[in-house]
Amino acid sequence: MATASSRAGDAISIFRALLRVRREAFAGDKQALKLSAAQIRQEFEANRHVTDEATLSELLAQGREAVDFIALNVVQAKLNDRGNYEMKLEKEHAGETAEEVVPTTKKGKKTPS
């Protein structure tokens, strides 16, 4: 059985790992960095007072999974000089499949190709 201080240390470690991995995934995208940091803080604040051991274990496991998911599955495409989006897959993405994401306008409509 883990102590409260070790659980707090685990939570802080996962919190920092999430902030770090999101900086790598969204490098150069100020809006994505701001929104992802706010979402991470909101999730941790919402669960700050959880004391049930089983719930804590589940939340910590979800946090670890989120770190891995972002590191392995989030790749940001960048607009190139030709007006096309391109992405660079790193070695940690080997074996993964990429899904096409079509940019939308502020009203939610697909942008013309």
Protein backbone atom coordinates (compact mmCIF):
# COMPACT_ATOMS: atom_id res chain seq x y z
CA MET A 1 0.00 0.00 0.00
CA ALA A 2 1.41 3.37 -1.02
CA THR A 3 1.64 6.24 1.39
CA ALA A 4 -0.08 9.55 0.82
CA SER A 5 3.24 11.30 0.23
CA SER A 6 4.33 8.72 -2.38
CA ARG A 7 0.96 9.11 -4.16
CA ALA A 8 1.41 12.89 -4.13
CA GLY A 9 4.91 12.44 -5.53
CA ASP A 10 3.54 10.16 -8.25
CA ALA A 11 0.86 12.72 -9.13
CA ILE A 12 3.40 15.55 -9.33
CA SER A 13 5.68 13.41 -11.48
CA ILE A 14 2.85 12.58 -13.88
CA PHE A 15 1.70 16.22 -13.94
CA ARG A 16 5.20 17.35 -14.92
CA ALA A 17 5.52 14.57 -17.50
CA LEU A 18 2.25 15.65 -19.11
CA LEU A 19 3.38 19.27 -19.28
CA ARG A 20 6.72 18.19 -20.76
CA VAL A 21 5.25 15.84 -23.39
CA ARG A 22 2.68 18.41 -24.48
CA ARG A 23 5.50 20.96 -24.99
CA GLU A 24 7.14 18.51 -27.38
CA ALA A 25 3.92 17.55 -29.16
CA PHE A 26 2.68 21.12 -29.65
CA ALA A 27 6.00 22.95 -30.05
CA GLY A 28 5.47 26.31 -31.72
CA ASP A 29 1.66 26.26 -31.38
CA LYS A 30 0.91 28.83 -28.69
CA GLN A 31 -2.81 28.16 -28.60
CA ALA A 32 -2.43 24.37 -28.30
CA LEU A 33 0.22 24.82 -25.59
CA LYS A 34 -1.99 27.19 -23.61
CA LEU A 35 -5.14 25.08 -23.93
CA SER A 36 -3.40 21.79 -23.16
CA ALA A 37 -1.73 23.22 -20.05
CA ALA A 38 -5.08 24.56 -18.85
CA GLN A 39 -6.76 21.19 -19.46
CA ILE A 40 -4.04 19.31 -17.59
CA ARG A 41 -4.29 21.69 -14.61
CA GLN A 42 -8.09 21.46 -14.63
CA GLU A 43 -8.03 17.65 -14.55
CA PHE A 44 -5.55 17.55 -11.68
CA GLU A 45 -7.40 20.23 -9.70
CA ALA A 46 -10.70 18.39 -10.15
CA ASN A 47 -9.17 15.32 -8.50
CA ARG A 48 -7.01 17.05 -5.90
CA HIS A 49 -9.10 15.87 -2.95
CA VAL A 50 -9.56 12.23 -3.99
CA THR A 51 -8.52 9.95 -1.13
CA ASP A 52 -9.95 6.58 -2.17
CA GLU A 53 -6.98 4.28 -2.89
CA ALA A 54 -8.60 2.50 -5.82
CA THR A 55 -9.66 5.78 -7.43
CA LEU A 56 -6.18 7.24 -6.93
CA SER A 57 -4.59 4.20 -8.54
CA GLU A 58 -6.92 4.49 -11.52
CA LEU A 59 -6.28 8.22 -11.93
CA LEU A 60 -2.51 7.73 -11.78
CA ALA A 61 -2.74 4.94 -14.35
CA GLN A 62 -4.80 7.20 -16.63
CA GLY A 63 -2.18 9.92 -16.26
CA ARG A 64 0.62 7.54 -17.27
CA GLU A 65 -1.44 6.36 -20.23
CA ALA A 66 -2.03 9.97 -21.29
CA VAL A 67 1.72 10.67 -21.26
CA ASP A 68 2.35 7.61 -23.45
CA PHE A 69 -0.56 8.43 -25.76
CA ILE A 70 0.58 11.98 -26.39
CA ALA A 71 4.21 10.92 -26.88
CA LEU A 72 3.33 8.17 -29.36
CA ASN A 73 0.19 9.37 -31.11
CA VAL A 74 0.21 13.15 -31.34
CA VAL A 75 2.15 14.62 -34.24
CA GLN A 76 1.67 18.19 -35.29
CA ALA A 77 1.50 19.02 -38.97
CA LYS A 78 3.06 22.28 -40.10
CA LEU A 79 2.10 24.49 -43.03
CA ASN A 80 4.86 24.49 -45.65
CA ASP A 81 5.80 27.11 -48.26
CA ARG A 82 3.55 25.44 -50.86
CA GLY A 83 0.47 25.83 -48.67
CA ASN A 84 0.31 22.15 -47.73
CA TYR A 85 0.52 20.59 -44.31
CA GLU A 86 3.31 18.13 -43.65
CA MET A 87 4.39 16.20 -40.62
CA LYS A 88 7.60 14.56 -39.61
CA LEU A 89 7.25 11.19 -37.93
CA GLU A 90 9.97 10.37 -35.42
CA LYS A 91 11.35 6.93 -34.51
CA GLU A 92 8.93 6.64 -31.55
CA HIS A 93 6.05 6.75 -34.03
CA ALA A 94 7.31 3.71 -35.97
CA GLY A 95 4.52 1.26 -36.69
CA GLU A 96 1.79 3.82 -36.03
CA THR A 97 -0.71 4.97 -38.63
CA ALA A 98 -1.40 8.60 -39.37
CA GLU A 99 -4.95 9.92 -39.68
CA GLU A 100 -5.71 12.81 -41.97
CA VAL A 101 -7.08 15.84 -40.19
CA VAL A 102 -8.81 18.37 -42.41
CA PRO A 103 -8.51 21.97 -41.20
CA THR A 104 -11.82 23.71 -40.55
CA THR A 105 -12.94 27.30 -40.45
CA LYS A 106 -14.13 28.95 -37.26
CA LYS A 107 -17.69 27.93 -38.19
CA GLY A 108 -16.68 24.24 -38.35
CA LYS A 109 -16.76 23.94 -42.14
CA LYS A 110 -13.96 22.19 -43.99
CA THR A 111 -11.53 24.57 -45.66
CA PRO A 112 -11.42 24.40 -49.46
CA SER A 113 -8.65 22.20 -50.87
